[in-house]
Protein backbone atom coordinates (compact mmCIF):
# COMPACT_ATOMS: atom_id res chain seq x y z
CA MET A 1 -93.80 -62.63 -93.55
CA PRO A 2 -92.05 -60.30 -91.62
CA ARG A 3 -92.31 -59.90 -87.99
CA PRO A 4 -93.44 -57.17 -86.21
CA VAL A 5 -90.89 -54.39 -85.55
CA THR A 6 -92.35 -52.82 -82.44
CA ARG A 7 -93.25 -55.62 -80.42
CA GLY A 8 -91.69 -55.49 -76.94
CA PRO A 9 -89.59 -52.83 -76.05
CA GLN A 10 -89.18 -49.62 -78.73
CA PRO A 11 -86.49 -50.66 -81.25
CA ALA A 12 -83.74 -47.86 -81.05
CA THR A 13 -83.49 -45.44 -84.20
CA LEU A 14 -80.35 -44.68 -85.90
CA PRO A 15 -80.15 -41.91 -87.89
CA MET A 16 -78.20 -41.75 -91.28
CA ALA A 17 -74.40 -40.15 -90.74
CA GLU A 18 -73.18 -37.32 -92.50
CA PRO A 19 -71.71 -38.63 -95.45
CA GLY A 20 -67.48 -38.60 -95.27
CA ASN A 21 -67.69 -38.71 -91.46
CA THR A 22 -67.10 -42.46 -91.06
CA ALA A 23 -62.65 -43.49 -91.17
CA PRO A 24 -62.17 -47.22 -92.82
CA LEU A 25 -62.57 -49.86 -89.89
CA PRO A 26 -59.24 -51.39 -88.88
CA LEU A 27 -59.62 -55.30 -89.30
CA GLU A 28 -58.41 -56.14 -86.16
CA LEU A 29 -61.26 -54.44 -84.48
CA VAL A 30 -63.81 -56.90 -85.98
CA ARG A 31 -63.92 -59.25 -82.87
CA ARG A 32 -66.26 -60.82 -80.19
CA ASP A 33 -64.52 -59.85 -77.01
CA ILE A 34 -63.66 -56.08 -76.79
CA ALA A 35 -63.58 -56.33 -72.95
CA GLY A 36 -60.43 -57.90 -72.90
CA ASP A 37 -58.46 -57.75 -69.33
CA ARG A 38 -60.46 -54.58 -68.66
CA PRO A 39 -61.90 -54.19 -65.01
CA GLY A 40 -65.45 -53.78 -64.90
CA VAL A 41 -68.86 -55.53 -64.29
CA PRO A 42 -68.75 -57.66 -67.48
CA LEU A 43 -71.74 -57.01 -69.79
CA MET A 44 -72.78 -59.06 -72.72
CA LEU A 45 -74.26 -57.14 -75.69
CA ARG A 46 -76.65 -58.67 -77.96
CA ILE A 47 -77.79 -56.30 -80.92
CA ARG A 48 -80.04 -56.94 -83.93
CA VAL A 49 -80.42 -54.73 -87.10
CA LEU A 50 -83.65 -54.66 -88.73
CA ASP A 51 -84.58 -52.44 -91.97
CA ALA A 52 -86.84 -49.74 -90.87
CA VAL A 53 -89.41 -49.94 -93.50
CA HIS A 54 -89.93 -53.98 -94.12
CA GLY A 55 -88.86 -54.85 -90.43
CA THR A 56 -86.48 -57.50 -91.90
CA ALA A 57 -83.43 -58.98 -90.85
CA VAL A 58 -80.14 -56.81 -92.08
CA SER A 59 -77.43 -59.54 -92.70
CA ALA A 60 -73.84 -58.75 -93.77
CA ALA A 61 -74.16 -55.28 -92.03
CA VAL A 62 -70.86 -54.15 -89.41
CA VAL A 63 -72.11 -52.66 -86.29
CA ASP A 64 -69.35 -50.91 -84.95
CA ILE A 65 -69.46 -50.25 -80.89
CA ARG A 66 -67.58 -47.77 -79.13
CA HIS A 67 -68.04 -46.40 -75.26
CA ARG A 68 -66.12 -45.38 -72.48
CA ASP A 69 -63.97 -47.59 -70.51
CA ALA A 70 -65.52 -48.57 -66.84
CA THR A 71 -62.70 -47.29 -64.50
CA THR A 72 -60.78 -44.71 -67.16
CA ASP A 73 -60.93 -41.97 -70.26
CA ASP A 74 -60.39 -44.83 -72.46
CA GLU A 75 -62.19 -46.02 -75.45
CA VAL A 76 -63.26 -49.88 -75.36
CA ARG A 77 -64.08 -50.49 -79.38
CA GLY A 78 -65.08 -53.40 -81.34
CA ALA A 79 -67.22 -54.27 -84.45
CA GLN A 80 -68.97 -57.77 -85.42
CA VAL A 81 -70.56 -58.58 -88.94
CA THR A 82 -74.53 -59.33 -88.62
CA ASP A 83 -75.32 -62.88 -89.05
CA THR A 84 -78.62 -63.91 -91.43
CA ASP A 85 -81.13 -62.86 -88.59
CA GLY A 86 -79.53 -59.59 -88.19
CA TYR A 87 -77.81 -60.20 -84.94
CA ALA A 88 -74.24 -59.37 -83.57
CA GLU A 89 -73.07 -59.97 -80.30
CA PHE A 90 -70.04 -58.59 -77.86
CA ARG A 91 -68.57 -59.03 -74.74
CA THR A 92 -67.40 -56.12 -73.01
CA VAL A 93 -67.70 -54.15 -70.02
CA HIS A 94 -70.59 -51.72 -68.49
CA PRO A 95 -69.47 -48.33 -69.81
CA GLY A 96 -67.88 -45.32 -67.54
CA ARG A 97 -69.72 -42.16 -67.75
CA GLU A 98 -69.09 -38.21 -67.08
CA PRO A 99 -70.50 -37.19 -64.10
CA GLY A 100 -73.70 -36.41 -64.45
CA GLN A 101 -73.98 -37.81 -68.20
CA HIS A 102 -75.79 -41.10 -68.85
CA ALA A 103 -74.03 -44.33 -69.07
CA HIS A 104 -74.31 -45.53 -73.02
CA ILE A 105 -72.91 -47.15 -76.06
CA ILE A 106 -72.27 -45.34 -79.09
CA ALA A 107 -73.52 -47.99 -82.08
CA SER A 108 -72.86 -47.59 -85.62
CA VAL A 109 -74.11 -49.69 -88.14
CA HIS A 110 -72.47 -49.79 -91.71
CA VAL A 111 -74.32 -51.25 -94.77
CA GLY A 112 -73.74 -52.03 -98.37
CA GLY A 113 -70.19 -51.89 -98.22
CA TYR A 114 -67.18 -53.72 -98.06
CA LEU A 115 -65.76 -54.67 -94.55
CA ALA A 116 -62.34 -52.74 -94.57
CA GLY A 117 -62.95 -50.13 -97.37
CA GLY A 118 -65.74 -47.54 -98.08
CA ARG A 119 -69.14 -48.57 -96.43
CA THR A 120 -71.65 -46.64 -98.34
CA VAL A 121 -74.40 -45.90 -95.75
CA THR A 122 -73.74 -45.39 -92.08
CA TYR A 123 -76.30 -45.22 -89.31
CA THR A 124 -75.48 -44.03 -85.68
CA GLY A 125 -76.80 -43.52 -82.86
CA PRO A 126 -76.12 -43.93 -78.83
CA LEU A 127 -77.96 -46.47 -77.03
CA TYR A 128 -78.52 -46.04 -73.39
CA ILE A 129 -77.93 -48.07 -69.83
CA PRO A 130 -81.10 -47.81 -67.69
CA GLU A 131 -80.50 -45.69 -64.78
CA GLN A 132 -81.58 -48.13 -62.47
CA ILE A 133 -79.14 -50.47 -63.55
CA ALA A 134 -76.42 -47.63 -64.31
CA GLY A 135 -76.97 -46.23 -60.89
CA GLN A 136 -75.75 -49.01 -59.08
CA VAL A 137 -73.09 -50.17 -61.40
CA VAL A 138 -71.08 -46.99 -61.82
CA GLY A 139 -70.72 -44.48 -58.69
CA GLY A 140 -70.59 -41.04 -58.56
CA LEU A 141 -72.99 -38.04 -59.63
CA SER A 142 -75.90 -39.35 -62.29
CA PRO A 143 -78.87 -38.23 -63.92
CA THR A 144 -81.98 -39.21 -61.68
CA ASP A 145 -83.77 -39.88 -64.88
CA ASP A 146 -83.86 -42.38 -67.77
CA PRO A 147 -82.73 -40.10 -71.23
CA GLN A 148 -85.84 -39.82 -73.53
CA PRO A 149 -83.73 -40.40 -76.88
CA GLY A 150 -84.82 -38.69 -79.98
CA ILE A 151 -82.33 -40.69 -81.67
CA GLY A 152 -80.74 -44.07 -80.44
CA GLY A 153 -82.43 -45.96 -77.69
CA MET A 154 -82.72 -47.73 -74.48
CA LEU A 155 -80.86 -50.99 -73.94
CA THR A 156 -82.92 -53.77 -72.09
CA VAL A 157 -80.76 -54.71 -69.73
CA VAL A 158 -80.83 -57.44 -67.06
CA PRO A 159 -78.41 -58.81 -64.36
CA ARG A 160 -77.09 -62.77 -64.55
CA ASP A 161 -77.73 -62.87 -60.67
CA ARG A 162 -80.65 -60.77 -59.53
CA PHE A 163 -78.46 -60.43 -56.04
CA ASP A 164 -75.03 -59.58 -57.27
CA LEU A 165 -75.11 -57.01 -60.34
CA THR A 166 -71.09 -57.64 -60.12
CA ALA A 167 -71.80 -61.27 -61.50
CA GLY A 168 -72.17 -59.35 -65.25
CA LEU A 169 -75.00 -58.50 -67.15
CA LEU A 170 -77.13 -59.14 -70.14
CA ALA A 171 -78.27 -56.09 -72.64
CA THR A 172 -80.32 -56.59 -75.83
CA VAL A 173 -81.28 -53.85 -78.31
CA ILE A 174 -83.32 -53.90 -81.51
CA THR A 175 -82.14 -51.06 -83.84
CA THR A 176 -83.91 -49.95 -87.24
CA VAL A 177 -81.80 -48.80 -90.02
CA GLY A 178 -82.81 -47.20 -93.03
CA PRO A 179 -85.19 -43.90 -94.75
């Protein structure tokens, strides 16, 4: 019996990407640690991929994430293959943002294809950092309210140390894919 999809925070809905808009994934991007030695607040990100219709885990999907570097305009990118329970985990840094924009991570889930070649179906959308956390981590101008995403969703983010956000953050999200 599948577990309910909507227990806890609302899952992030990733819509199907336009066919032909995804390039082959370089194998060097398949890694858990995508932060390397980049400066910024450490962020451990755990994404679970579920089938939108049945609520079951999607195993062997490729989760490809990218976001703006914390201190420059460079992009941080990496990919993981989901395990049998639909989980993929990444070690990164809290994303930077354009002034007045919400801090977010773009997630793409590739289902039904070979890792290095043509994936058959891709779902993609933004995963937002709650403004309560992002406003304390990223300086400069920021939106005052959390986004109300029609696509994508909000990450659940908690500090590792409630007194020191720079010690690191833990973020989780459930994403749903499918018709």
